[in-house]
Amino acid sequence: MIIDSFVKNRDSDYLKQENDYKTVASFTPFGLRKPRGYSCLFFVLLFLLPACSHCGPDTYIRNDYDRAKIKKVAVFPFYNNTQATEAGKVVTAAFIAGLVEKGRYRVEFSGNIKSFLVSERIIVRTGIDLDTIKLMGKRLNIDAVVLGQVEEYVGSKETRRGVVPLVSIGSRMVDVGTGKILFMAHHRKTGNDYIKVLDFGKIRSVGELTKRVVGEIIETMP
C-alpha cells in the first residue's frame, strides 16, 4: 500500500512537472518570458553577445600580499622571446604607460633603470637574479620590480592582408626586499578575440592589441 501510494504520488508529481514544464518552456535561459514567435530574435541577440573578448588573464596573487607596502615600482625591460625585434621595447613601454595612467603605484623613470643596468653591466637577455633585484631596490628606492617576457608577437612586419595580430605576455611583480613573487599573470590574445559581431570590434594593429593585453593585465594587479 505504501508503494502504491508512492507510485500514485510520483505519477501525479510527474504530471504536475509536465504541466509546469509547458508553462515555463517559454522562459529564456536568462529567466525572462518570451513569446514563441520571438525565438529567432533571441538567437540573434545571443549571437551578438561578445564571447572571448571578456576573457581575462590567468593570474596569481600572493595570499599575504600587503598593498600598503608597495608604493613605488620599477618596470624591468621585458625579455623578448619572439622574432619581432621591437616586441620587448613595445611591451615594456606599454607597461610603464599603463601603470602611470592607472596611478596605483609610483613608477620609476625608465632612464634611471637603464643607467642602473649599464652601471652594473647587466644584460637583459641573460635575465636578472635576486641579488640584482635587491640592489636595484636600494639604489632606486623602489618596493617592487615588474618584469616578464614576450612569448608571442605577430603582426608587426607582416604585409599580407588578413594577418591577425597576436600577443602573448607573461609578467610578474617581485618584492625587492624579500624576493617573493607578489603577482603573476599570463595573457594571450588575438585581434579576433575582440570581435562582437561580423568584423566589428576586431583589432587589426599589433600595437593596439599590445595596449589592450597589457591594460587587462594591469587591471588585475593588486
C-alpha atoms as a PDB file:
ATOM      1  CA  MET A   1       0.000   0.000   0.000  1.00  0.00           C
ATOM      2  CA  ILE A   2       2.817   2.325   0.827  1.00  0.00           C
ATOM      3  CA  ILE A   3       4.479   1.522  -2.516  1.00  0.00           C
ATOM      4  CA  ASP A   4       1.197   2.013  -4.440  1.00  0.00           C
ATOM      5  CA  SER A   5       0.672   5.331  -2.704  1.00  0.00           C
ATOM      6  CA  PHE A   6       4.207   6.374  -3.586  1.00  0.00           C
ATOM      7  CA  VAL A   7       3.724   5.432  -7.263  1.00  0.00           C
ATOM      8  CA  LYS A   8       0.453   7.382  -7.444  1.00  0.00           C
ATOM      9  CA  ASN A   9       2.056  10.414  -5.830  1.00  0.00           C
ATOM     10  CA  ARG A  10       5.054  10.095  -8.128  1.00  0.00           C
ATOM     11  CA  ASP A  11       2.863   9.885 -11.246  1.00  0.00           C
ATOM     12  CA  SER A  12       0.897  12.859 -10.010  1.00  0.00           C
ATOM     13  CA  ASP A  13       4.121  14.778  -9.473  1.00  0.00           C
ATOM     14  CA  TYR A  14       5.355  13.869 -12.964  1.00  0.00           C
ATOM     15  CA  LEU A  15       2.085  15.106 -14.479  1.00  0.00           C
ATOM     16  CA  LYS A  16       2.351  18.312 -12.498  1.00  0.00           C
ATOM     17  CA  GLN A  17       6.000  18.739 -13.597  1.00  0.00           C
ATOM     18  CA  GLU A  18       4.997  18.172 -17.214  1.00  0.00           C
ATOM     19  CA  ASN A  19       2.334  20.881 -16.958  1.00  0.00           C
ATOM     20  CA  ASP A  20       4.767  23.155 -15.197  1.00  0.00           C
ATOM     21  CA  TYR A  21       7.315  22.498 -17.934  1.00  0.00           C
ATOM     22  CA  LYS A  22       4.800  23.570 -20.574  1.00  0.00           C
ATOM     23  CA  THR A  23       4.308  26.763 -18.583  1.00  0.00           C
ATOM     24  CA  VAL A  24       7.993  27.633 -18.122  1.00  0.00           C
ATOM     25  CA  ALA A  25       9.135  26.363 -21.519  1.00  0.00           C
ATOM     26  CA  SER A  26       8.694  29.871 -22.879  1.00  0.00           C
ATOM     27  CA  PHE A  27      11.340  31.238 -20.491  1.00  0.00           C
ATOM     28  CA  THR A  28      14.744  32.160 -21.867  1.00  0.00           C
ATOM     29  CA  PRO A  29      17.967  30.982 -20.201  1.00  0.00           C
ATOM     30  CA  PHE A  30      18.040  34.424 -18.542  1.00  0.00           C
ATOM     31  CA  GLY A  31      14.730  33.840 -16.767  1.00  0.00           C
ATOM     32  CA  LEU A  32      12.708  36.205 -18.970  1.00  0.00           C
ATOM     33  CA  ARG A  33       9.474  35.139 -20.602  1.00  0.00           C
ATOM     34  CA  LYS A  34       9.447  35.361 -24.378  1.00  0.00           C
ATOM     35  CA  PRO A  35       6.653  34.693 -26.863  1.00  0.00           C
ATOM     36  CA  ARG A  36       7.221  31.721 -29.172  1.00  0.00           C
ATOM     37  CA  GLY A  37       7.379  33.988 -32.205  1.00  0.00           C
ATOM     38  CA  TYR A  38      10.488  35.709 -30.844  1.00  0.00           C
ATOM     39  CA  SER A  39      12.732  32.639 -30.994  1.00  0.00           C
ATOM     40  CA  CYS A  40      14.710  33.967 -33.936  1.00  0.00           C
ATOM     41  CA  LEU A  41      15.236  37.297 -32.194  1.00  0.00           C
ATOM     42  CA  PHE A  42      16.617  35.542 -29.106  1.00  0.00           C
ATOM     43  CA  PHE A  43      19.196  33.612 -31.112  1.00  0.00           C
ATOM     44  CA  VAL A  44      20.215  36.752 -32.974  1.00  0.00           C
ATOM     45  CA  LEU A  45      20.757  38.557 -29.670  1.00  0.00           C
ATOM     46  CA  LEU A  46      22.716  35.587 -28.352  1.00  0.00           C
ATOM     47  CA  PHE A  47      24.924  35.750 -31.443  1.00  0.00           C
ATOM     48  CA  LEU A  48      25.570  39.423 -30.801  1.00  0.00           C
ATOM     49  CA  LEU A  49      26.889  38.818 -27.303  1.00  0.00           C
ATOM     50  CA  PRO A  50      30.694  39.010 -27.130  1.00  0.00           C
ATOM     51  CA  ALA A  51      32.310  35.728 -26.201  1.00  0.00           C
ATOM     52  CA  CYS A  52      36.031  35.610 -25.529  1.00  0.00           C
ATOM     53  CA  SER A  53      36.544  39.385 -25.609  1.00  0.00           C
ATOM     54  CA  HIS A  54      35.991  39.482 -21.843  1.00  0.00           C
ATOM     55  CA  CYS A  55      38.260  36.534 -21.025  1.00  0.00           C
ATOM     56  CA  GLY A  56      40.822  37.943 -18.635  1.00  0.00           C
ATOM     57  CA  PRO A  57      44.406  36.892 -17.970  1.00  0.00           C
ATOM     58  CA  ASP A  58      45.414  33.932 -15.825  1.00  0.00           C
ATOM     59  CA  THR A  59      46.694  35.413 -12.572  1.00  0.00           C
ATOM     60  CA  TYR A  60      48.221  34.619  -9.197  1.00  0.00           C
ATOM     61  CA  ILE A  61      48.261  36.964  -6.184  1.00  0.00           C
ATOM     62  CA  ARG A  62      50.231  36.101  -3.063  1.00  0.00           C
ATOM     63  CA  ASN A  63      47.952  35.470  -0.082  1.00  0.00           C
ATOM     64  CA  ASP A  64      49.904  37.683   2.313  1.00  0.00           C
ATOM     65  CA  TYR A  65      50.352  40.495  -0.195  1.00  0.00           C
ATOM     66  CA  ASP A  66      50.217  43.872   1.555  1.00  0.00           C
ATOM     67  CA  ARG A  67      49.485  46.631  -0.907  1.00  0.00           C
ATOM     68  CA  ALA A  68      50.326  49.318   1.652  1.00  0.00           C
ATOM     69  CA  LYS A  69      53.989  48.263   1.474  1.00  0.00           C
ATOM     70  CA  ILE A  70      54.236  48.548  -2.311  1.00  0.00           C
ATOM     71  CA  LYS A  71      54.187  52.210  -3.246  1.00  0.00           C
ATOM     72  CA  LYS A  72      56.851  52.538  -5.923  1.00  0.00           C
ATOM     73  CA  VAL A  73      57.702  50.063  -8.683  1.00  0.00           C
ATOM     74  CA  ALA A  74      60.209  49.792 -11.499  1.00  0.00           C
ATOM     75  CA  VAL A  75      59.458  48.117 -14.830  1.00  0.00           C
ATOM     76  CA  PHE A  76      62.420  45.999 -15.850  1.00  0.00           C
ATOM     77  CA  PRO A  77      62.828  45.582 -19.644  1.00  0.00           C
ATOM     78  CA  PHE A  78      60.753  42.627 -20.792  1.00  0.00           C
ATOM     79  CA  TYR A  79      62.669  39.752 -22.320  1.00  0.00           C
ATOM     80  CA  ASN A  80      61.805  39.288 -25.986  1.00  0.00           C
ATOM     81  CA  ASN A  81      61.329  35.643 -26.888  1.00  0.00           C
ATOM     82  CA  THR A  82      59.958  36.352 -30.376  1.00  0.00           C
ATOM     83  CA  GLN A  83      61.265  37.127 -33.845  1.00  0.00           C
ATOM     84  CA  ALA A  84      59.930  40.692 -33.693  1.00  0.00           C
ATOM     85  CA  THR A  85      62.933  42.752 -32.615  1.00  0.00           C
ATOM     86  CA  GLU A  86      60.890  45.605 -31.139  1.00  0.00           C
ATOM     87  CA  ALA A  87      58.455  43.453 -29.140  1.00  0.00           C
ATOM     88  CA  GLY A  88      60.271  43.745 -25.805  1.00  0.00           C
ATOM     89  CA  LYS A  89      60.554  47.524 -26.012  1.00  0.00           C
ATOM     90  CA  VAL A  90      56.919  47.948 -27.057  1.00  0.00           C
ATOM     91  CA  VAL A  91      55.600  45.802 -24.210  1.00  0.00           C
ATOM     92  CA  THR A  92      57.885  47.466 -21.640  1.00  0.00           C
ATOM     93  CA  ALA A  93      56.737  50.918 -22.748  1.00  0.00           C
ATOM     94  CA  ALA A  94      53.105  49.795 -22.633  1.00  0.00           C
ATOM     95  CA  PHE A  95      53.507  48.602 -19.038  1.00  0.00           C
ATOM     96  CA  ILE A  96      55.154  51.860 -17.953  1.00  0.00           C
ATOM     97  CA  ALA A  97      52.468  53.970 -19.628  1.00  0.00           C
ATOM     98  CA  GLY A  98      49.663  51.767 -18.303  1.00  0.00           C
ATOM     99  CA  LEU A  99      50.904  51.821 -14.710  1.00  0.00           C
ATOM    100  CA  VAL A 100      51.411  55.589 -14.796  1.00  0.00           C
ATOM    101  CA  GLU A 101      47.907  56.082 -16.194  1.00  0.00           C
ATOM    102  CA  LYS A 102      46.386  53.744 -13.613  1.00  0.00           C
ATOM    103  CA  GLY A 103      48.048  55.676 -10.794  1.00  0.00           C
ATOM    104  CA  ARG A 104      48.068  52.722  -8.418  1.00  0.00           C
ATOM    105  CA  TYR A 105      51.844  52.923  -7.922  1.00  0.00           C
ATOM    106  CA  ARG A 106      54.544  55.482  -8.458  1.00  0.00           C
ATOM    107  CA  VAL A 107      56.667  54.332 -11.391  1.00  0.00           C
ATOM    108  CA  GLU A 108      60.440  54.758 -11.563  1.00  0.00           C
ATOM    109  CA  PHE A 109      61.760  56.741 -14.533  1.00  0.00           C
ATOM    110  CA  SER A 110      62.971  54.321 -17.216  1.00  0.00           C
ATOM    111  CA  GLY A 111      66.167  56.324 -17.747  1.00  0.00           C
ATOM    112  CA  ASN A 112      67.237  55.579 -14.167  1.00  0.00           C
ATOM    113  CA  ILE A 113      66.692  51.869 -14.741  1.00  0.00           C
ATOM    114  CA  LYS A 114      68.832  51.939 -17.885  1.00  0.00           C
ATOM    115  CA  SER A 115      71.580  53.785 -16.023  1.00  0.00           C
ATOM    116  CA  PHE A 116      71.471  51.160 -13.274  1.00  0.00           C
ATOM    117  CA  LEU A 117      71.693  48.305 -15.777  1.00  0.00           C
ATOM    118  CA  VAL A 118      74.664  49.930 -17.509  1.00  0.00           C
ATOM    119  CA  SER A 119      76.499  50.648 -14.258  1.00  0.00           C
ATOM    120  CA  GLU A 120      76.005  47.059 -13.080  1.00  0.00           C
ATOM    121  CA  ARG A 121      76.779  45.644 -16.553  1.00  0.00           C
ATOM    122  CA  ILE A 122      73.521  43.706 -16.647  1.00  0.00           C
ATOM    123  CA  ILE A 123      72.454  42.255 -19.995  1.00  0.00           C
ATOM    124  CA  VAL A 124      68.677  41.880 -20.240  1.00  0.00           C
ATOM    125  CA  ARG A 125      68.743  38.703 -22.306  1.00  0.00           C
ATOM    126  CA  THR A 126      70.588  36.858 -19.543  1.00  0.00           C
ATOM    127  CA  GLY A 127      67.843  37.649 -17.011  1.00  0.00           C
ATOM    128  CA  ILE A 128      68.100  39.145 -13.544  1.00  0.00           C
ATOM    129  CA  ASP A 129      68.912  37.425 -10.249  1.00  0.00           C
ATOM    130  CA  LEU A 130      67.597  38.097  -6.755  1.00  0.00           C
ATOM    131  CA  ASP A 131      70.722  39.945  -5.613  1.00  0.00           C
ATOM    132  CA  THR A 132      70.383  42.353  -8.532  1.00  0.00           C
ATOM    133  CA  ILE A 133      66.706  42.932  -7.727  1.00  0.00           C
ATOM    134  CA  LYS A 134      67.556  43.726  -4.105  1.00  0.00           C
ATOM    135  CA  LEU A 135      70.373  46.041  -5.188  1.00  0.00           C
ATOM    136  CA  MET A 136      68.028  47.827  -7.583  1.00  0.00           C
ATOM    137  CA  GLY A 137      65.598  48.326  -4.736  1.00  0.00           C
ATOM    138  CA  LYS A 138      68.237  50.017  -2.593  1.00  0.00           C
ATOM    139  CA  ARG A 139      69.739  52.130  -5.381  1.00  0.00           C
ATOM    140  CA  LEU A 140      66.438  53.364  -6.819  1.00  0.00           C
ATOM    141  CA  ASN A 141      64.435  53.316  -3.584  1.00  0.00           C
ATOM    142  CA  ILE A 142      61.697  51.116  -5.030  1.00  0.00           C
ATOM    143  CA  ASP A 143      59.489  48.478  -3.400  1.00  0.00           C
ATOM    144  CA  ALA A 144      58.883  46.055  -6.259  1.00  0.00           C
ATOM    145  CA  VAL A 145      60.006  45.207  -9.771  1.00  0.00           C
ATOM    146  CA  VAL A 146      57.676  44.349 -12.662  1.00  0.00           C
ATOM    147  CA  LEU A 147      59.297  42.057 -15.218  1.00  0.00           C
ATOM    148  CA  GLY A 148      58.460  39.278 -17.651  1.00  0.00           C
ATOM    149  CA  GLN A 149      58.733  38.139 -21.222  1.00  0.00           C
ATOM    150  CA  VAL A 150      57.017  38.497 -24.572  1.00  0.00           C
ATOM    151  CA  GLU A 151      56.196  34.970 -25.733  1.00  0.00           C
ATOM    152  CA  GLU A 152      54.369  35.693 -28.990  1.00  0.00           C
ATOM    153  CA  TYR A 153      54.163  38.846 -31.078  1.00  0.00           C
ATOM    154  CA  VAL A 154      52.645  38.596 -34.555  1.00  0.00           C
ATOM    155  CA  GLY A 155      51.578  41.366 -36.885  1.00  0.00           C
ATOM    156  CA  SER A 156      54.377  43.937 -36.734  1.00  0.00           C
ATOM    157  CA  LYS A 157      56.094  43.348 -40.074  1.00  0.00           C
ATOM    158  CA  GLU A 158      53.589  41.175 -41.923  1.00  0.00           C
ATOM    159  CA  THR A 159      52.366  42.939 -45.055  1.00  0.00           C
ATOM    160  CA  ARG A 160      49.957  40.221 -46.150  1.00  0.00           C
ATOM    161  CA  ARG A 161      46.310  41.089 -45.950  1.00  0.00           C
ATOM    162  CA  GLY A 162      44.323  39.136 -43.433  1.00  0.00           C
ATOM    163  CA  VAL A 163      47.163  38.619 -40.942  1.00  0.00           C
ATOM    164  CA  VAL A 164      45.615  38.543 -37.476  1.00  0.00           C
ATOM    165  CA  PRO A 165      47.761  40.194 -34.765  1.00  0.00           C
ATOM    166  CA  LEU A 166      48.691  38.019 -31.799  1.00  0.00           C
ATOM    167  CA  VAL A 167      50.253  38.969 -28.468  1.00  0.00           C
ATOM    168  CA  SER A 168      51.200  36.672 -25.580  1.00  0.00           C
ATOM    169  CA  ILE A 169      52.823  38.058 -22.428  1.00  0.00           C
ATOM    170  CA  GLY A 170      53.957  36.603 -19.120  1.00  0.00           C
ATOM    171  CA  SER A 171      54.618  39.038 -16.265  1.00  0.00           C
ATOM    172  CA  ARG A 172      55.278  39.082 -12.538  1.00  0.00           C
ATOM    173  CA  MET A 173      55.847  41.562  -9.739  1.00  0.00           C
ATOM    174  CA  VAL A 174      58.626  40.787  -7.248  1.00  0.00           C
ATOM    175  CA  ASP A 175      59.186  42.275  -3.796  1.00  0.00           C
ATOM    176  CA  VAL A 176      62.712  43.744  -3.825  1.00  0.00           C
ATOM    177  CA  GLY A 177      63.120  43.199  -0.096  1.00  0.00           C
ATOM    178  CA  THR A 178      62.184  39.525   0.139  1.00  0.00           C
ATOM    179  CA  GLY A 179      62.429  38.373  -3.471  1.00  0.00           C
ATOM    180  CA  LYS A 180      58.935  36.874  -3.188  1.00  0.00           C
ATOM    181  CA  ILE A 181      56.613  36.892  -6.173  1.00  0.00           C
ATOM    182  CA  LEU A 182      53.648  39.078  -5.285  1.00  0.00           C
ATOM    183  CA  PHE A 183      51.753  38.803  -8.547  1.00  0.00           C
ATOM    184  CA  MET A 184      51.945  36.764 -11.748  1.00  0.00           C
ATOM    185  CA  ALA A 185      49.906  36.905 -14.926  1.00  0.00           C
ATOM    186  CA  HIS A 186      49.798  35.322 -18.335  1.00  0.00           C
ATOM    187  CA  HIS A 187      47.668  36.732 -21.118  1.00  0.00           C
ATOM    188  CA  ARG A 188      47.305  35.710 -24.758  1.00  0.00           C
ATOM    189  CA  LYS A 189      45.016  37.464 -27.234  1.00  0.00           C
ATOM    190  CA  THR A 190      44.473  37.798 -30.962  1.00  0.00           C
ATOM    191  CA  GLY A 191      42.811  40.668 -32.771  1.00  0.00           C
ATOM    192  CA  ASN A 192      39.842  38.408 -33.495  1.00  0.00           C
ATOM    193  CA  ASP A 193      39.161  37.856 -29.794  1.00  0.00           C
ATOM    194  CA  TYR A 194      37.538  41.285 -29.585  1.00  0.00           C
ATOM    195  CA  ILE A 195      35.056  40.740 -32.416  1.00  0.00           C
ATOM    196  CA  LYS A 196      31.473  41.281 -31.261  1.00  0.00           C
ATOM    197  CA  VAL A 197      29.658  40.558 -34.500  1.00  0.00           C
ATOM    198  CA  LEU A 198      30.957  40.101 -38.039  1.00  0.00           C
ATOM    199  CA  ASP A 199      34.204  42.165 -38.027  1.00  0.00           C
ATOM    200  CA  PHE A 200      33.059  44.882 -35.624  1.00  0.00           C
ATOM    201  CA  GLY A 201      35.457  45.246 -32.704  1.00  0.00           C
ATOM    202  CA  LYS A 202      38.304  43.419 -34.427  1.00  0.00           C
ATOM    203  CA  ILE A 203      41.769  44.789 -33.586  1.00  0.00           C
ATOM    204  CA  ARG A 204      43.934  44.950 -36.697  1.00  0.00           C
ATOM    205  CA  SER A 205      47.062  46.570 -35.232  1.00  0.00           C
ATOM    206  CA  VAL A 206      49.520  44.631 -33.075  1.00  0.00           C
ATOM    207  CA  GLY A 207      50.399  47.881 -31.310  1.00  0.00           C
ATOM    208  CA  GLU A 208      46.795  48.478 -30.292  1.00  0.00           C
ATOM    209  CA  LEU A 209      46.440  44.829 -29.294  1.00  0.00           C
ATOM    210  CA  THR A 210      49.539  45.143 -27.081  1.00  0.00           C
ATOM    211  CA  LYS A 211      47.970  48.075 -25.245  1.00  0.00           C
ATOM    212  CA  ARG A 212      44.780  46.101 -24.673  1.00  0.00           C
ATOM    213  CA  VAL A 213      46.583  42.990 -23.426  1.00  0.00           C
ATOM    214  CA  VAL A 214      48.870  44.955 -21.104  1.00  0.00           C
ATOM    215  CA  GLY A 215      45.943  47.055 -19.872  1.00  0.00           C
ATOM    216  CA  GLU A 216      43.952  43.953 -18.987  1.00  0.00           C
ATOM    217  CA  ILE A 217      46.917  42.556 -17.036  1.00  0.00           C
ATOM    218  CA  ILE A 218      47.325  45.815 -15.122  1.00  0.00           C
ATOM    219  CA  GLU A 219      43.614  45.805 -14.264  1.00  0.00           C
ATOM    220  CA  THR A 220      44.108  42.536 -12.395  1.00  0.00           C
ATOM    221  CA  MET A 221      47.155  43.717 -10.434  1.00  0.00           C
ATOM    222  CA  PRO A 222      46.536  44.114  -6.688  1.00  0.00           C
END
